[in-house]
Amino acid sequence: MSRQIRFKRHFLCNHISLGWIAMILSLPLMSHGIQSGANHQSTSITKRDLAEHGLSLLLPQDAAYSEELNKLQLNNKPVIDAVKPVSVIVRNTSQHALVALGIRWKISDPTGFLRTRDVIHLQPRGLLDGGRPRTEQASIPAGASRLVTLEGLVLSLEALKDFNSAFLAPGYSPASVQLDFAAFDNGEVVGPDEIGLLATFQVTVNAKQDLMEEVSAKVLQGQTLHEVLEALQSAAPKAPEPHAPLDPAGTYAALRQQYLDELIATERNFGEQTAMQSLQHHKYNVRPDIHRRKDNSK
């Protein structure tokens, strides 16, 4: 079962804990406001989705919104009524599961400024390994839908039990929502990516696979896993300085070190055999290729 971890707008590794393996990342990010007009309050939300790729957004005012909530067993009226103003449903009618998405909201605040709220959800473990799935639960399977709020993706009614958002306060009003980035389980990426998520998602995958492949190669050459891990730790550069969440170079360095620390801790606490099993669990036989979908591909 994947673990969900939320991040504020600090550097990406601040809240990464042991157990990064097979986790889901959710990052609500807030940028600075831009002026929209004095005391502007939206009465309706405009949306932009990726329907041409089988990905659509359903707003609370859309007729299909309630129908999808029933399918998701999220039809508890008091709870949903509180969440509706800051939520959208992502429906996936494509032939592939969705393993990453970025949604960009524009929200009018009490002063009349439009603020940007980016909600990012990554599940790199959901990527296929040479066409073979490596997890039983994708973020949004083909033919399924998920509720996404301004605070992240919702997987159960229990997750909404104590739901709260600063954007439910008087004077705040969502003005627009855009499905800005989406990655399918075969590595294909669609969307304008105004958030700039593509490079970060690529290094999230590569940081792990580069390390796992390097360790595996050295073990095959006759070194013990303990020797390999000690050498890599000794040669590791100084811990990276805090960086922005979507800084690919900083993210790569931080995640590679995180994965190395996990392997070292596993080998130290549970032995070399268990650490090797963990390595094989994470290492893809066919590394996922995160790439832009061709325009004529559906």
Protein backbone atom coordinates (compact mmCIF):
# COMPACT_ATOMS: atom_id res chain seq x y z
CA MET A 1 0.00 0.00 0.00
CA SER A 2 1.49 3.31 -1.01
CA ARG A 3 2.04 6.00 1.59
CA GLN A 4 0.90 9.52 0.90
CA ILE A 5 3.15 12.37 2.01
CA ARG A 6 2.28 16.03 1.72
CA PHE A 7 4.80 18.79 1.11
CA LYS A 8 4.54 22.54 1.53
CA ARG A 9 6.67 24.86 -0.58
CA HIS A 10 10.01 23.94 0.96
CA PHE A 11 12.74 21.85 -0.57
CA LEU A 12 11.50 18.48 -1.75
CA CYS A 13 13.44 16.27 0.63
CA ASN A 14 12.50 18.03 3.86
CA HIS A 15 9.72 15.56 4.58
CA ILE A 16 10.91 12.44 2.77
CA SER A 17 11.23 9.66 5.33
CA LEU A 18 12.44 6.07 5.18
CA GLY A 19 9.86 4.17 3.20
CA TRP A 20 10.13 6.36 0.09
CA ILE A 21 9.85 3.05 -1.76
CA ALA A 22 6.50 2.73 -3.52
CA MET A 23 5.23 5.97 -2.05
CA ILE A 24 2.90 8.58 -3.44
CA LEU A 25 3.97 12.19 -3.29
CA SER A 26 1.45 15.01 -3.00
CA LEU A 27 2.74 18.54 -3.10
CA PRO A 28 0.38 21.49 -2.64
CA LEU A 29 2.47 24.47 -3.78
CA MET A 30 1.58 28.14 -3.44
CA SER A 31 3.14 30.83 -5.58
CA HIS A 32 2.85 34.59 -5.19
CA GLY A 33 -0.37 36.34 -6.09
CA ILE A 34 -0.97 38.34 -9.23
CA GLN A 35 -3.45 41.20 -9.33
CA SER A 36 -6.71 40.43 -11.07
CA GLY A 37 -8.91 43.40 -10.31
CA ALA A 38 -10.20 44.98 -7.16
CA ASN A 39 -12.32 42.75 -4.96
CA HIS A 40 -12.84 40.23 -7.72
CA GLN A 41 -14.89 37.22 -6.59
CA SER A 42 -15.55 34.46 -9.12
CA THR A 43 -19.04 33.03 -9.22
CA SER A 44 -18.04 30.24 -11.61
CA ILE A 45 -14.87 28.29 -12.32
CA THR A 46 -13.36 27.93 -15.75
CA LYS A 47 -11.57 24.69 -16.50
CA ARG A 48 -9.05 23.33 -18.95
CA ASP A 49 -8.53 19.60 -19.12
CA LEU A 50 -6.89 17.08 -21.45
CA ALA A 51 -9.99 15.45 -22.88
CA GLU A 52 -8.19 14.75 -26.15
CA HIS A 53 -5.99 12.35 -24.16
CA GLY A 54 -8.85 10.79 -22.23
CA LEU A 55 -8.45 12.96 -19.12
CA SER A 56 -11.30 15.23 -18.10
CA LEU A 57 -12.07 17.48 -15.15
CA LEU A 58 -15.50 17.51 -13.52
CA LEU A 59 -16.44 20.56 -11.50
CA PRO A 60 -19.03 20.48 -8.69
CA GLN A 61 -21.54 22.19 -10.98
CA ASP A 62 -21.13 19.48 -13.66
CA ALA A 63 -23.94 16.91 -13.75
CA ALA A 64 -21.49 13.99 -13.77
CA TYR A 65 -19.72 15.17 -10.60
CA SER A 66 -22.28 13.64 -8.19
CA GLU A 67 -22.45 10.45 -10.24
CA GLU A 68 -18.69 9.98 -9.96
CA LEU A 69 -18.78 10.70 -6.22
CA ASN A 70 -21.26 7.85 -5.82
CA LYS A 71 -18.98 5.49 -7.73
CA LEU A 72 -16.10 6.51 -5.48
CA GLN A 73 -18.29 6.01 -2.37
CA LEU A 74 -17.63 9.61 -1.42
CA ASN A 75 -21.29 10.59 -1.22
CA ASN A 76 -21.41 11.55 2.46
CA LYS A 77 -23.34 14.80 2.02
CA PRO A 78 -22.09 16.85 5.03
CA VAL A 79 -18.45 15.99 4.28
CA ILE A 80 -18.65 16.52 0.54
CA ASP A 81 -20.62 19.75 0.82
CA ALA A 82 -17.69 21.20 2.79
CA VAL A 83 -15.14 20.00 0.24
CA LYS A 84 -16.97 20.81 -2.98
CA PRO A 85 -15.93 24.48 -3.31
CA VAL A 86 -12.25 23.50 -3.44
CA SER A 87 -12.43 20.21 -5.34
CA VAL A 88 -12.51 18.69 -8.79
CA ILE A 89 -12.83 15.14 -10.08
CA VAL A 90 -10.24 13.83 -12.54
CA ARG A 91 -11.74 11.16 -14.81
CA ASN A 92 -9.44 8.86 -16.79
CA THR A 93 -11.10 7.29 -19.83
CA SER A 94 -7.80 6.46 -21.53
CA GLN A 95 -6.34 2.97 -21.91
CA HIS A 96 -3.52 3.62 -19.43
CA ALA A 97 -3.37 4.25 -15.70
CA LEU A 98 -2.32 7.71 -14.56
CA VAL A 99 0.76 7.76 -12.30
CA ALA A 100 1.38 11.49 -11.97
CA LEU A 101 -0.59 14.69 -12.34
CA GLY A 102 -0.26 18.39 -11.73
CA ILE A 103 -3.30 20.61 -11.31
CA ARG A 104 -3.02 24.39 -11.32
CA TRP A 105 -5.69 26.43 -9.55
CA LYS A 106 -6.18 30.18 -9.68
CA ILE A 107 -7.88 31.52 -6.57
CA SER A 108 -9.17 35.01 -5.96
CA ASP A 109 -8.35 36.17 -2.44
CA PRO A 110 -10.16 38.79 -0.31
CA THR A 111 -7.91 41.56 -1.64
CA GLY A 112 -8.69 40.88 -5.29
CA PHE A 113 -5.47 39.05 -6.14
CA LEU A 114 -5.35 35.80 -8.07
CA ARG A 115 -3.18 33.28 -6.25
CA THR A 116 -1.76 30.15 -7.85
CA ARG A 117 -2.11 26.82 -6.09
CA ASP A 118 -0.38 23.83 -7.66
CA VAL A 119 -1.38 20.37 -6.47
CA ILE A 120 1.08 17.68 -7.55
CA HIS A 121 0.69 13.94 -7.16
CA LEU A 122 3.46 11.50 -8.14
CA GLN A 123 3.45 7.72 -8.00
CA PRO A 124 6.65 6.59 -9.75
CA ARG A 125 6.12 3.03 -8.53
CA GLY A 126 3.06 2.89 -10.78
CA LEU A 127 5.20 2.99 -13.94
CA LEU A 128 5.29 -0.21 -15.98
CA ASP A 129 8.40 -2.38 -16.10
CA GLY A 130 8.68 -3.39 -19.75
CA GLY A 131 4.88 -3.50 -19.94
CA ARG A 132 4.49 -5.28 -16.59
CA PRO A 133 2.80 -3.49 -13.67
CA ARG A 134 4.76 -3.36 -10.41
CA THR A 135 1.98 -2.15 -8.14
CA GLU A 136 -1.62 -3.22 -7.69
CA GLN A 137 -2.96 0.27 -7.10
CA ALA A 138 -2.29 3.02 -9.60
CA SER A 139 -3.14 6.62 -8.78
CA ILE A 140 -5.96 6.74 -11.31
CA PRO A 141 -6.48 3.42 -13.15
CA ALA A 142 -7.77 3.37 -16.70
CA GLY A 143 -11.51 3.88 -16.62
CA ALA A 144 -11.48 5.29 -13.08
CA SER A 145 -11.71 8.68 -11.45
CA ARG A 146 -10.40 10.41 -8.33
CA LEU A 147 -11.40 13.40 -6.24
CA VAL A 148 -8.69 16.06 -5.98
CA THR A 149 -8.95 19.01 -3.61
CA LEU A 150 -6.77 22.07 -3.18
CA GLU A 151 -4.99 20.02 -0.50
CA GLY A 152 -4.29 16.91 -2.59
CA LEU A 153 -5.68 13.69 -4.04
CA VAL A 154 -8.37 11.91 -2.00
CA LEU A 155 -8.39 8.11 -1.84
CA SER A 156 -11.05 7.52 0.83
CA LEU A 157 -13.88 9.18 2.73
CA GLU A 158 -11.82 8.77 5.89
CA ALA A 159 -9.23 11.14 4.43
CA LEU A 160 -11.89 13.87 4.40
CA LYS A 161 -12.95 13.35 8.00
CA ASP A 162 -11.08 16.36 9.34
CA PHE A 163 -10.66 18.17 6.03
CA ASN A 164 -9.66 21.80 6.26
CA SER A 165 -8.30 24.35 3.83
CA ALA A 166 -7.37 27.99 4.21
CA PHE A 167 -9.17 28.58 0.91
CA LEU A 168 -12.54 27.79 2.49
CA ALA A 169 -12.27 31.04 4.45
CA PRO A 170 -14.61 33.91 3.50
CA GLY A 171 -13.37 35.97 0.60
CA TYR A 172 -11.57 33.16 -1.25
CA SER A 173 -13.03 31.93 -4.51
CA PRO A 174 -11.52 29.50 -7.08
CA ALA A 175 -11.49 31.20 -10.47
CA SER A 176 -9.99 28.51 -12.72
CA VAL A 177 -8.53 25.02 -12.67
CA GLN A 178 -6.24 23.40 -15.23
CA LEU A 179 -5.02 19.83 -15.62
CA ASP A 180 -1.52 20.97 -16.39
CA PHE A 181 0.53 17.75 -16.36
CA ALA A 182 -0.27 14.06 -16.56
CA ALA A 183 1.96 10.99 -16.88
CA PHE A 184 0.66 7.56 -17.87
CA ASP A 185 2.02 4.23 -16.64
CA ASN A 186 3.87 3.70 -19.94
CA GLY A 187 5.87 6.89 -19.31
CA GLU A 188 4.03 9.10 -21.78
CA VAL A 189 3.44 12.66 -20.61
CA VAL A 190 0.76 15.11 -21.77
CA GLY A 191 -0.26 18.63 -20.83
CA PRO A 192 1.21 22.14 -21.13
CA ASP A 193 3.27 21.65 -17.93
CA GLU A 194 3.28 25.28 -16.88
CA ILE A 195 4.22 24.00 -13.42
CA GLY A 196 7.46 22.54 -14.81
CA LEU A 197 6.98 19.04 -13.45
CA LEU A 198 8.33 16.90 -16.30
CA ALA A 199 12.04 17.25 -15.47
CA THR A 200 11.43 16.65 -11.76
CA PHE A 201 9.41 13.50 -12.45
CA GLN A 202 12.17 12.23 -14.73
CA VAL A 203 14.88 12.68 -12.10
CA THR A 204 12.63 11.16 -9.42
CA VAL A 205 12.74 7.94 -11.44
CA ASN A 206 16.36 8.23 -12.57
CA ALA A 207 17.79 8.95 -9.13
CA LYS A 208 16.56 5.61 -7.85
CA GLN A 209 17.35 3.59 -10.96
CA ASP A 210 20.85 5.03 -11.39
CA LEU A 211 21.73 4.04 -7.84
CA MET A 212 20.13 0.59 -7.98
CA GLU A 213 21.85 -0.22 -11.29
CA GLU A 214 25.23 1.01 -10.01
CA VAL A 215 25.00 -1.06 -6.84
CA SER A 216 23.82 -4.16 -8.74
CA ALA A 217 26.69 -3.87 -11.24
CA LYS A 218 29.32 -3.66 -8.49
CA VAL A 219 27.85 -6.66 -6.66
CA LEU A 220 27.93 -8.67 -9.90
CA GLN A 221 31.61 -7.76 -10.20
CA GLY A 222 32.28 -9.60 -6.94
CA GLN A 223 32.03 -6.93 -4.25
CA THR A 224 29.83 -7.51 -1.23
CA LEU A 225 26.84 -5.26 -0.83
CA HIS A 226 28.30 -3.95 2.41
CA GLU A 227 31.51 -2.95 0.65
CA VAL A 228 29.62 -1.25 -2.16
CA LEU A 229 27.41 0.75 0.17
CA GLU A 230 30.33 1.83 2.36
CA ALA A 231 32.28 3.01 -0.70
CA LEU A 232 29.32 4.92 -2.08
CA GLN A 233 28.65 6.56 1.26
CA SER A 234 32.31 7.59 1.62
CA ALA A 235 32.30 9.04 -1.89
CA ALA A 236 28.95 10.77 -1.50
CA PRO A 237 29.17 14.54 -1.83
CA LYS A 238 28.27 16.85 0.99
CA ALA A 239 24.55 16.85 1.72
CA PRO A 240 22.81 19.11 -0.82
CA GLU A 241 21.65 22.51 0.25
CA PRO A 242 17.88 23.04 0.51
CA HIS A 243 16.40 23.59 -2.91
CA ALA A 244 13.09 24.48 -4.50
CA PRO A 245 10.64 21.56 -4.88
CA LEU A 246 10.92 21.57 -8.66
CA ASP A 247 14.71 21.97 -8.91
CA PRO A 248 15.67 18.81 -10.88
CA ALA A 249 19.39 18.82 -10.04
CA GLY A 250 18.81 19.35 -6.34
CA THR A 251 15.99 16.83 -6.30
CA TYR A 252 18.16 14.20 -7.99
CA ALA A 253 21.02 14.63 -5.51
CA ALA A 254 18.73 14.61 -2.50
CA LEU A 255 16.75 11.56 -3.58
CA ARG A 256 19.82 9.55 -4.56
CA GLN A 257 21.24 10.15 -1.09
CA GLN A 258 17.89 9.26 0.47
CA TYR A 259 17.78 5.94 -1.39
CA LEU A 260 21.40 5.21 -0.45
CA ASP A 261 20.67 5.93 3.22
CA GLU A 262 17.71 3.55 3.10
CA LEU A 263 19.80 0.72 1.65
CA ILE A 264 22.51 1.29 4.24
CA ALA A 265 19.97 1.28 7.07
CA THR A 266 18.33 -1.90 5.74
CA GLU A 267 21.68 -3.70 5.42
CA ARG A 268 22.78 -2.58 8.88
CA ASN A 269 19.52 -3.45 10.66
CA PHE A 270 18.27 -6.49 8.74
CA GLY A 271 21.28 -7.94 6.96
CA GLU A 272 22.68 -8.12 3.45
CA GLN A 273 20.12 -10.59 2.13
CA THR A 274 17.20 -8.36 3.05
CA ALA A 275 18.97 -5.33 1.60
CA MET A 276 19.55 -7.19 -1.67
CA GLN A 277 15.87 -8.12 -1.77
CA SER A 278 14.99 -4.47 -1.27
CA LEU A 279 17.34 -3.47 -4.08
CA GLN A 280 15.77 -5.97 -6.47
CA HIS A 281 12.31 -4.78 -5.39
CA HIS A 282 13.11 -1.25 -6.52
CA LYS A 283 15.26 -1.91 -9.57
CA TYR A 284 13.38 -1.99 -12.86
CA ASN A 285 14.42 -4.57 -15.45
CA VAL A 286 13.44 -2.04 -18.12
CA ARG A 287 13.92 1.51 -16.92
CA PRO A 288 10.79 3.64 -17.48
CA ASP A 289 11.16 6.22 -20.22
CA ILE A 290 9.41 9.43 -19.17
CA HIS A 291 8.74 11.31 -22.39
CA ARG A 292 6.33 13.59 -24.19
CA ARG A 293 3.54 11.84 -26.06
CA LYS A 294 3.55 12.50 -29.78
CA ASP A 295 0.79 14.89 -30.87
CA ASN A 296 -0.89 12.26 -33.03
CA SER A 297 -0.95 9.65 -30.24
CA LYS A 298 -4.18 9.08 -28.31
